[in-house]
């Protein structure tokens, strides 16, 4: 991701002070990312980079967990992908979550649009992510929904994907689709059932992706069994129940303010055009 790394990291580092630290995990990159990171680290003391040796068994979920372990603060804001440009609202989001959290009687994961925040110890105690490449975030949402510890804030988007070369996007998409299929097989290693389910969702996922799932499912189930089948007993698996929960806990700031009885004075430094 060296083609977008500098722009992405700079968009974060230029808007925060020493109250924040940025934890970056270089999971054995093979491009010139390391050179970019060394240059940035020399300019920003609050950028903490950790370089990992190659481990074929480590997927994205486990790498994300390492960032929580390395963090020193009480709170973690996550996850900034290195092809994301982050608008100047991170500190406001952090302040907003702290205000909302004080009104809840238990720790929660607070989600915005492509940004999340929770207490570090809470995240570590909740798993936190399974060692999978795709779907690790949704799996966490489903587990926290079971205990009513996932809260969503509606706001205007301020995180945007940085344009990339078409070839890189195609390669990334193929990688994503493959690992989505493997993850699905780790949850339920029954290719025939999986393919029948895909036919019912063809309008939602598209003809090309459906075709890829049909072709790759038999191979994916072999890879999934080698990586390890995992149980989903600890989460909400019923799609209808999950959607119902998500809708009940997804509110604008104005709605949360009314429900939790938050005084306007507490929100005086929050941009109400973004967090409406």
Protein backbone atom coordinates (compact mmCIF):
# COMPACT_ATOMS: atom_id res chain seq x y z
CA UNK A 1 0.00 0.00 0.00
CA UNK A 2 3.02 2.29 -0.44
CA UNK A 3 1.17 4.19 -3.17
CA UNK A 4 -1.34 5.62 -0.64
CA UNK A 5 0.49 5.21 2.67
CA UNK A 6 2.02 8.70 2.90
CA UNK A 7 -1.21 10.54 2.06
CA UNK A 8 -3.26 8.41 4.42
CA UNK A 9 -0.97 8.67 7.43
CA UNK A 10 -0.33 12.38 6.90
CA UNK A 11 -4.08 13.05 6.91
CA UNK A 12 -4.17 11.65 10.47
CA UNK A 13 -0.87 12.92 11.84
CA UNK A 14 -1.47 16.51 10.70
CA UNK A 15 -4.65 16.83 12.78
CA UNK A 16 -3.65 15.30 16.13
CA UNK A 17 -1.43 16.37 19.01
CA UNK A 18 0.53 14.46 21.66
CA UNK A 19 -2.71 13.41 23.37
CA UNK A 20 -2.92 10.80 20.60
CA UNK A 21 -0.54 8.16 19.28
CA UNK A 22 -0.79 6.37 15.94
CA UNK A 23 0.00 2.66 16.06
CA UNK A 24 0.98 1.24 12.69
CA UNK A 25 1.61 -2.45 12.13
CA UNK A 26 3.75 -3.28 9.10
CA UNK A 27 2.86 -6.89 8.47
CA UNK A 28 5.99 -7.82 6.46
CA UNK A 29 5.36 -5.44 3.53
CA UNK A 30 7.38 -6.08 0.37
CA UNK A 31 7.16 -2.67 -1.33
CA UNK A 32 8.83 0.57 -0.19
CA UNK A 33 6.45 1.10 2.75
CA UNK A 34 9.25 0.73 5.30
CA UNK A 35 11.21 3.63 3.78
CA UNK A 36 8.13 5.86 3.91
CA UNK A 37 7.44 4.87 7.51
CA UNK A 38 10.99 5.55 8.65
CA UNK A 39 10.84 9.02 7.11
CA UNK A 40 7.48 9.79 8.75
CA UNK A 41 8.64 8.43 12.12
CA UNK A 42 11.57 10.85 12.10
CA UNK A 43 9.12 13.76 11.80
CA UNK A 44 6.30 12.57 14.08
CA UNK A 45 7.10 11.37 17.60
CA UNK A 46 3.57 10.08 18.13
CA UNK A 47 3.82 7.64 15.20
CA UNK A 48 4.73 4.21 16.59
CA UNK A 49 5.60 1.64 13.93
CA UNK A 50 5.98 -2.07 14.63
CA UNK A 51 7.52 -4.32 11.97
CA UNK A 52 6.42 -7.96 11.93
CA UNK A 53 8.19 -10.94 10.41
CA UNK A 54 6.24 -12.93 7.87
CA UNK A 55 3.79 -15.42 9.36
CA UNK A 56 1.59 -17.31 6.89
CA UNK A 57 -0.85 -18.20 9.68
CA UNK A 58 -1.47 -14.57 10.68
CA UNK A 59 -4.47 -12.93 9.05
CA UNK A 60 -5.73 -9.35 9.26
CA UNK A 61 -7.79 -9.92 12.42
CA UNK A 62 -4.73 -11.02 14.40
CA UNK A 63 -2.68 -8.11 13.04
CA UNK A 64 -5.38 -5.68 14.19
CA UNK A 65 -5.27 -7.26 17.64
CA UNK A 66 -1.54 -6.55 17.84
CA UNK A 67 -2.28 -2.84 17.46
CA UNK A 68 -4.50 -2.97 20.57
CA UNK A 69 -1.77 -4.76 22.51
CA UNK A 70 0.82 -2.15 21.51
CA UNK A 71 -1.39 0.85 22.30
CA UNK A 72 -0.72 2.68 25.58
CA UNK A 73 -3.86 4.81 25.88
CA UNK A 74 -7.12 4.06 27.63
CA UNK A 75 -9.04 4.31 24.35
CA UNK A 76 -8.43 2.90 20.87
CA UNK A 77 -9.77 4.54 17.71
CA UNK A 78 -9.65 2.12 14.81
CA UNK A 79 -9.05 1.07 12.10
CA UNK A 80 -7.49 3.43 9.63
CA UNK A 81 -6.78 1.51 6.44
CA UNK A 82 -3.81 2.78 4.49
CA UNK A 83 -5.90 3.64 1.45
CA UNK A 84 -8.15 5.95 3.51
CA UNK A 85 -7.97 9.73 3.69
CA UNK A 86 -9.12 10.95 7.11
CA UNK A 87 -10.89 14.30 7.35
CA UNK A 88 -10.09 16.64 10.30
CA UNK A 89 -12.65 15.27 12.77
CA UNK A 90 -10.85 12.51 14.69
CA UNK A 91 -10.50 14.54 17.92
CA UNK A 92 -14.18 15.52 17.75
CA UNK A 93 -15.22 11.90 17.32
CA UNK A 94 -13.07 10.93 20.31
CA UNK A 95 -14.61 13.68 22.46
CA UNK A 96 -18.12 12.70 21.38
CA UNK A 97 -17.58 9.03 22.26
CA UNK A 98 -16.23 9.92 25.71
CA UNK A 99 -19.37 12.00 26.37
CA UNK A 100 -21.72 9.23 25.21
CA UNK A 101 -19.78 6.52 27.04
CA UNK A 102 -20.18 8.33 30.36
CA UNK A 103 -23.96 7.91 30.00
CA UNK A 104 -23.89 4.14 29.51
CA UNK A 105 -23.72 1.75 32.46
CA UNK A 106 -21.29 -0.60 30.69
CA UNK A 107 -18.45 -0.46 28.20
CA UNK A 108 -19.41 -0.46 24.53
CA UNK A 109 -17.95 -0.30 21.06
CA UNK A 110 -18.97 3.01 19.43
CA UNK A 111 -19.07 2.98 15.63
CA UNK A 112 -19.31 5.84 13.16
CA UNK A 113 -18.85 5.76 9.41
CA UNK A 114 -15.65 3.74 8.93
CA UNK A 115 -14.38 4.73 12.36
CA UNK A 116 -14.71 2.98 15.72
CA UNK A 117 -13.71 3.64 19.31
CA UNK A 118 -13.72 1.63 22.51
CA UNK A 119 -11.68 1.24 25.67
CA UNK A 120 -8.54 -0.79 25.09
CA UNK A 121 -9.15 -3.23 27.95
CA UNK A 122 -12.71 -3.80 26.76
CA UNK A 123 -11.50 -4.66 23.26
CA UNK A 124 -8.86 -7.05 24.55
CA UNK A 125 -11.37 -8.77 26.82
CA UNK A 126 -13.84 -9.29 23.97
CA UNK A 127 -11.58 -11.45 21.85
CA UNK A 128 -11.14 -9.10 20.14
CA UNK A 129 -10.94 -10.10 16.43
CA UNK A 130 -10.88 -13.60 15.05
CA UNK A 131 -7.82 -14.47 12.97
CA UNK A 132 -9.50 -13.97 9.59
CA UNK A 133 -8.86 -11.57 6.71
CA UNK A 134 -12.40 -10.46 5.89
CA UNK A 135 -15.45 -10.21 8.13
CA UNK A 136 -13.51 -9.79 11.38
CA UNK A 137 -15.32 -6.53 12.09
CA UNK A 138 -18.81 -7.89 11.41
CA UNK A 139 -18.09 -10.91 13.60
CA UNK A 140 -17.18 -8.54 16.45
CA UNK A 141 -20.38 -6.52 15.90
CA UNK A 142 -22.46 -9.70 16.06
CA UNK A 143 -20.78 -10.82 19.27
CA UNK A 144 -21.21 -7.43 20.95
CA UNK A 145 -24.82 -7.20 19.77
CA UNK A 146 -25.52 -10.35 21.76
CA UNK A 147 -24.67 -8.44 24.95
CA UNK A 148 -26.01 -5.07 23.73
CA UNK A 149 -22.55 -3.50 23.70
CA UNK A 150 -22.42 -2.13 20.15
CA UNK A 151 -23.60 1.45 19.56
CA UNK A 152 -23.69 3.32 16.23
CA UNK A 153 -23.59 7.08 15.63
CA UNK A 154 -24.98 8.45 12.36
CA UNK A 155 -22.93 11.33 10.96
CA UNK A 156 -21.66 12.76 7.71
CA UNK A 157 -18.82 10.84 6.17
CA UNK A 158 -15.31 12.24 6.66
CA UNK A 159 -13.24 9.20 5.71
CA UNK A 160 -12.76 8.59 2.00
CA UNK A 161 -10.93 5.97 -0.04
CA UNK A 162 -7.90 7.32 -1.88
CA UNK A 163 -8.03 6.60 -5.65
CA UNK A 164 -5.64 3.85 -6.74
CA UNK A 165 -4.43 2.37 -10.00
CA UNK A 166 -7.01 0.12 -11.63
CA UNK A 167 -4.64 -2.87 -11.61
CA UNK A 168 -4.06 -2.54 -7.86
CA UNK A 169 -7.81 -2.25 -7.22
CA UNK A 170 -8.53 -5.40 -9.26
CA UNK A 171 -5.87 -7.38 -7.38
CA UNK A 172 -7.20 -6.13 -4.05
CA UNK A 173 -10.78 -7.04 -5.02
CA UNK A 174 -9.77 -10.58 -6.04
CA UNK A 175 -7.91 -10.99 -2.75
CA UNK A 176 -10.94 -9.75 -0.82
CA UNK A 177 -13.39 -12.03 -2.64
CA UNK A 178 -11.17 -15.08 -2.11
CA UNK A 179 -10.79 -14.48 1.61
CA UNK A 180 -14.51 -13.74 1.99
CA UNK A 181 -15.24 -17.19 0.58
CA UNK A 182 -12.65 -18.89 2.82
CA UNK A 183 -14.05 -17.09 5.88
CA UNK A 184 -17.59 -18.19 4.94
CA UNK A 185 -16.32 -21.77 4.69
CA UNK A 186 -14.65 -21.48 8.11
CA UNK A 187 -18.04 -20.61 9.57
CA UNK A 188 -20.04 -23.21 7.64
CA UNK A 189 -17.94 -25.63 5.52
CA UNK A 190 -20.76 -26.77 3.23
CA UNK A 191 -20.13 -25.57 -0.35
CA UNK A 192 -23.47 -26.77 -1.71
CA UNK A 193 -25.47 -24.93 0.97
CA UNK A 194 -23.27 -21.88 0.45
CA UNK A 195 -23.89 -21.86 -3.30
CA UNK A 196 -27.65 -22.15 -2.82
CA UNK A 197 -27.55 -19.16 -0.47
CA UNK A 198 -25.58 -17.15 -3.03
CA UNK A 199 -28.26 -17.74 -5.67
CA UNK A 200 -30.84 -16.11 -3.39
CA UNK A 201 -28.57 -13.04 -3.00
CA UNK A 202 -27.45 -12.67 -6.61
CA UNK A 203 -28.99 -9.20 -6.97
CA UNK A 204 -27.26 -8.06 -3.82
CA UNK A 205 -23.76 -9.40 -4.50
CA UNK A 206 -23.74 -9.28 -8.33
CA UNK A 207 -23.38 -11.87 -11.07
CA UNK A 208 -19.56 -11.78 -11.27
CA UNK A 209 -19.03 -12.22 -7.52
CA UNK A 210 -21.66 -14.98 -7.43
CA UNK A 211 -19.88 -16.80 -10.26
CA UNK A 212 -16.53 -16.50 -8.47
CA UNK A 213 -18.07 -17.95 -5.32
CA UNK A 214 -19.39 -20.93 -7.30
CA UNK A 215 -16.01 -21.58 -8.91
CA UNK A 216 -13.86 -21.08 -5.80
CA UNK A 217 -16.03 -22.60 -3.05
CA UNK A 218 -14.75 -26.23 -3.38
CA UNK A 219 -11.11 -25.09 -3.10
CA UNK A 220 -11.95 -22.58 -0.38
CA UNK A 221 -13.42 -25.25 1.89
CA UNK A 222 -10.09 -27.14 1.79
CA UNK A 223 -8.19 -23.99 2.75
CA UNK A 224 -10.78 -23.16 5.43
CA UNK A 225 -10.38 -26.55 7.12
CA UNK A 226 -6.62 -26.10 7.09
CA UNK A 227 -6.94 -22.64 8.70
CA UNK A 228 -9.49 -23.91 11.22
CA UNK A 229 -13.28 -23.95 11.49
CA UNK A 230 -14.62 -21.58 14.14
CA UNK A 231 -17.84 -21.55 16.12
CA UNK A 232 -20.39 -18.75 15.98
CA UNK A 233 -22.36 -19.73 19.07
CA UNK A 234 -21.22 -16.54 20.82
CA UNK A 235 -22.87 -14.08 18.42
CA UNK A 236 -26.18 -13.15 16.79
CA UNK A 237 -26.39 -15.22 13.61
CA UNK A 238 -30.00 -14.56 12.62
CA UNK A 239 -29.83 -11.75 9.99
CA UNK A 240 -33.26 -10.41 10.91
CA UNK A 241 -32.42 -10.27 14.62
CA UNK A 242 -29.07 -8.62 13.88
CA UNK A 243 -30.61 -5.95 11.64
CA UNK A 244 -33.28 -5.28 14.24
CA UNK A 245 -30.61 -4.75 16.91
CA UNK A 246 -28.51 -2.51 14.65
CA UNK A 247 -31.50 -0.33 13.78
CA UNK A 248 -32.44 0.05 17.46
CA UNK A 249 -28.95 1.25 18.44
CA UNK A 250 -28.17 3.46 15.41
CA UNK A 251 -28.95 7.11 16.14
CA UNK A 252 -27.82 10.59 15.18
CA UNK A 253 -26.05 12.68 17.81
CA UNK A 254 -29.25 14.71 18.25
CA UNK A 255 -31.18 11.51 18.96
CA UNK A 256 -28.55 10.18 21.38
CA UNK A 257 -28.46 13.58 23.06
CA UNK A 258 -32.19 13.40 23.69
CA UNK A 259 -32.20 9.77 24.82
CA UNK A 260 -29.21 10.19 27.16
CA UNK A 261 -30.13 13.73 28.27
CA UNK A 262 -26.83 15.34 27.35
CA UNK A 263 -26.47 19.08 27.94
CA UNK A 264 -25.64 21.29 24.92
CA UNK A 265 -22.69 22.77 26.82
CA UNK A 266 -20.94 19.37 26.74
CA UNK A 267 -21.19 19.35 22.95
CA UNK A 268 -20.09 22.92 22.30
CA UNK A 269 -16.83 21.84 20.59
CA UNK A 270 -18.48 19.24 18.38
CA UNK A 271 -19.09 20.19 14.74
CA UNK A 272 -22.85 19.71 14.44
CA UNK A 273 -22.72 19.87 10.65
CA UNK A 274 -20.69 16.63 10.68
CA UNK A 275 -22.18 15.12 13.84
CA UNK A 276 -25.75 16.24 13.39
